[in-house]
Protein backbone atom coordinates (compact mmCIF):
# COMPACT_ATOMS: atom_id res chain seq x y z
CA MET A 1 0.00 0.00 0.00
CA ASP A 2 1.30 3.42 -0.98
CA THR A 3 0.54 5.86 1.85
CA ASP A 4 2.53 8.62 0.09
CA GLY A 5 -0.44 9.02 -2.27
CA LEU A 6 -2.98 8.95 0.54
CA PRO A 7 -3.33 12.69 1.37
CA GLY A 8 -6.25 14.22 -0.48
CA ILE A 9 -9.97 13.73 -0.88
CA TRP A 10 -11.42 10.25 -1.41
CA THR A 11 -15.08 9.76 -2.29
CA GLY A 12 -17.59 6.95 -2.49
CA SER A 13 -21.12 6.46 -3.73
CA GLY A 14 -23.92 8.52 -2.23
CA GLY A 15 -21.69 11.43 -1.28
CA GLY A 16 -19.36 9.73 1.21
CA ARG A 17 -16.05 11.53 1.61
CA VAL A 18 -12.80 11.02 3.52
CA GLU A 19 -10.05 13.62 3.49
CA PHE A 20 -6.61 12.39 4.52
CA HIS A 21 -3.90 14.81 5.63
CA ALA A 22 -0.14 14.19 5.48
CA ASP A 23 0.14 14.87 9.24
CA GLY A 24 -1.79 11.67 10.05
CA ARG A 25 -5.21 13.30 10.53
CA PHE A 26 -8.42 12.63 8.60
CA SER A 27 -12.00 13.86 8.43
CA MET A 28 -15.00 12.05 6.99
CA LYS A 29 -18.64 12.71 6.24
CA GLY A 30 -21.49 10.86 4.61
CA ILE A 31 -20.02 7.41 5.28
CA PRO A 32 -22.73 4.72 5.69
CA ALA A 33 -22.94 3.79 9.38
CA GLU A 34 -22.98 0.08 8.53
CA SER A 35 -19.49 0.52 7.04
CA ILE A 36 -18.04 0.95 10.52
CA ALA A 37 -18.10 -1.85 13.08
CA PHE A 38 -19.25 0.09 16.13
CA THR A 39 -17.89 -1.67 19.19
CA TRP A 40 -18.53 0.68 22.10
CA SER A 41 -21.25 3.07 21.02
CA GLU A 42 -23.87 3.70 18.37
CA PRO A 43 -23.90 6.73 16.04
CA ARG A 44 -25.57 9.79 17.52
CA ASN A 45 -29.27 10.19 16.77
CA GLY A 46 -29.37 6.83 14.98
CA ALA A 47 -27.59 8.34 11.97
CA THR A 48 -27.46 6.14 8.87
CA ARG A 49 -24.51 8.18 7.50
CA VAL A 50 -21.76 9.31 9.84
CA SER A 51 -19.21 12.09 10.06
CA GLY A 52 -16.17 12.55 12.25
CA ALA A 53 -12.42 13.09 12.41
CA GLY A 54 -9.35 11.58 13.98
CA THR A 55 -5.99 10.08 13.14
CA TRP A 56 -4.98 7.42 10.63
CA GLU A 57 -2.12 4.94 10.66
CA ARG A 58 -1.00 1.92 8.72
CA HIS A 59 -1.80 -1.34 10.50
CA ASP A 60 1.32 -2.88 12.09
CA VAL A 61 0.58 -6.46 11.00
CA ASP A 62 -1.55 -6.16 7.85
CA GLU A 63 0.16 -3.65 5.57
CA ASP A 64 -2.91 -3.52 3.32
CA THR A 65 -5.00 -2.01 6.13
CA LEU A 66 -5.33 1.52 7.48
CA LEU A 67 -6.77 2.12 10.93
CA LEU A 68 -8.87 5.23 11.48
CA MET A 69 -8.92 6.17 15.18
CA ILE A 70 -12.04 8.30 15.47
CA ASP A 71 -12.18 11.22 17.92
CA ALA A 72 -15.28 12.03 19.93
CA GLY A 73 -17.43 14.48 17.98
CA GLY A 74 -19.59 14.50 14.89
CA SER A 75 -21.59 11.26 14.85
CA PHE A 76 -19.37 9.65 17.50
CA PRO A 77 -20.17 10.17 21.20
CA THR A 78 -16.83 8.70 22.36
CA ASP A 79 -13.25 8.40 21.11
CA GLU A 80 -13.29 4.60 21.38
CA GLU A 81 -14.19 3.67 17.80
CA VAL A 82 -11.72 2.44 15.17
CA ALA A 83 -12.61 1.92 11.51
CA ARG A 84 -10.65 -0.34 9.16
CA LEU A 85 -9.87 0.63 5.57
CA MET A 86 -8.50 -2.16 3.42
CA VAL A 87 -7.04 -2.14 -0.08
CA ALA A 88 -9.53 -3.26 -2.74
CA GLU A 89 -7.22 -2.36 -5.65
CA ASP A 90 -3.60 -1.38 -5.16
CA GLY A 91 -3.87 0.68 -8.36
CA PRO A 92 -3.25 3.14 -9.62
CA PRO A 93 -5.86 4.21 -9.09
CA GLN A 94 -5.88 2.90 -5.55
CA VAL A 95 -9.25 1.85 -4.08
CA PHE A 96 -10.00 1.31 -0.40
CA PHE A 97 -13.02 -0.19 1.29
CA PHE A 98 -14.34 0.03 4.81
CA GLY A 99 -14.14 -3.45 6.30
CA THR A 100 -16.34 -4.49 9.18
CA ASN A 101 -15.60 -8.21 9.01
CA VAL A 102 -12.26 -9.72 7.95
CA ASP A 103 -14.12 -12.73 6.52
CA LYS A 104 -16.35 -10.54 4.31
CA PRO A 105 -14.63 -9.53 1.08
CA TYR A 106 -15.84 -5.95 0.54
CA GLY A 107 -17.57 -2.99 2.08
CA TYR A 108 -18.12 0.66 1.17
CA GLU A 109 -15.48 1.70 -1.41
CA ILE A 110 -13.71 5.06 -1.69
CA ARG A 111 -11.47 6.30 -4.51
CA LYS A 112 -9.12 9.27 -4.62
CA ASN A 113 -10.36 12.28 -6.58
CA SER A 114 -7.98 13.25 -9.36
């Protein structure tokens, strides 16, 4: 996975958007709630699409996975949620998908805007 090309705006169907910054931060909006495996809380107000921000890092063990550590705020009442982004296509263009189950082959896909 090439994280050098990560900074920028990535979009998915239905208006979902994730913006990655070179300093290890990200923000997202319009991501389907079912794309994130909520472990400690549920999205605020029963939202079906979520927004939030936090930090990203490459997974230590699985190099084809990014971890998004989500801060409290937006749709997230706590800072205890972590989303997984996995490589669908190593590209170019690179395609990621939100993975909620390692045994399920795909989730909500995002692609970098050119």
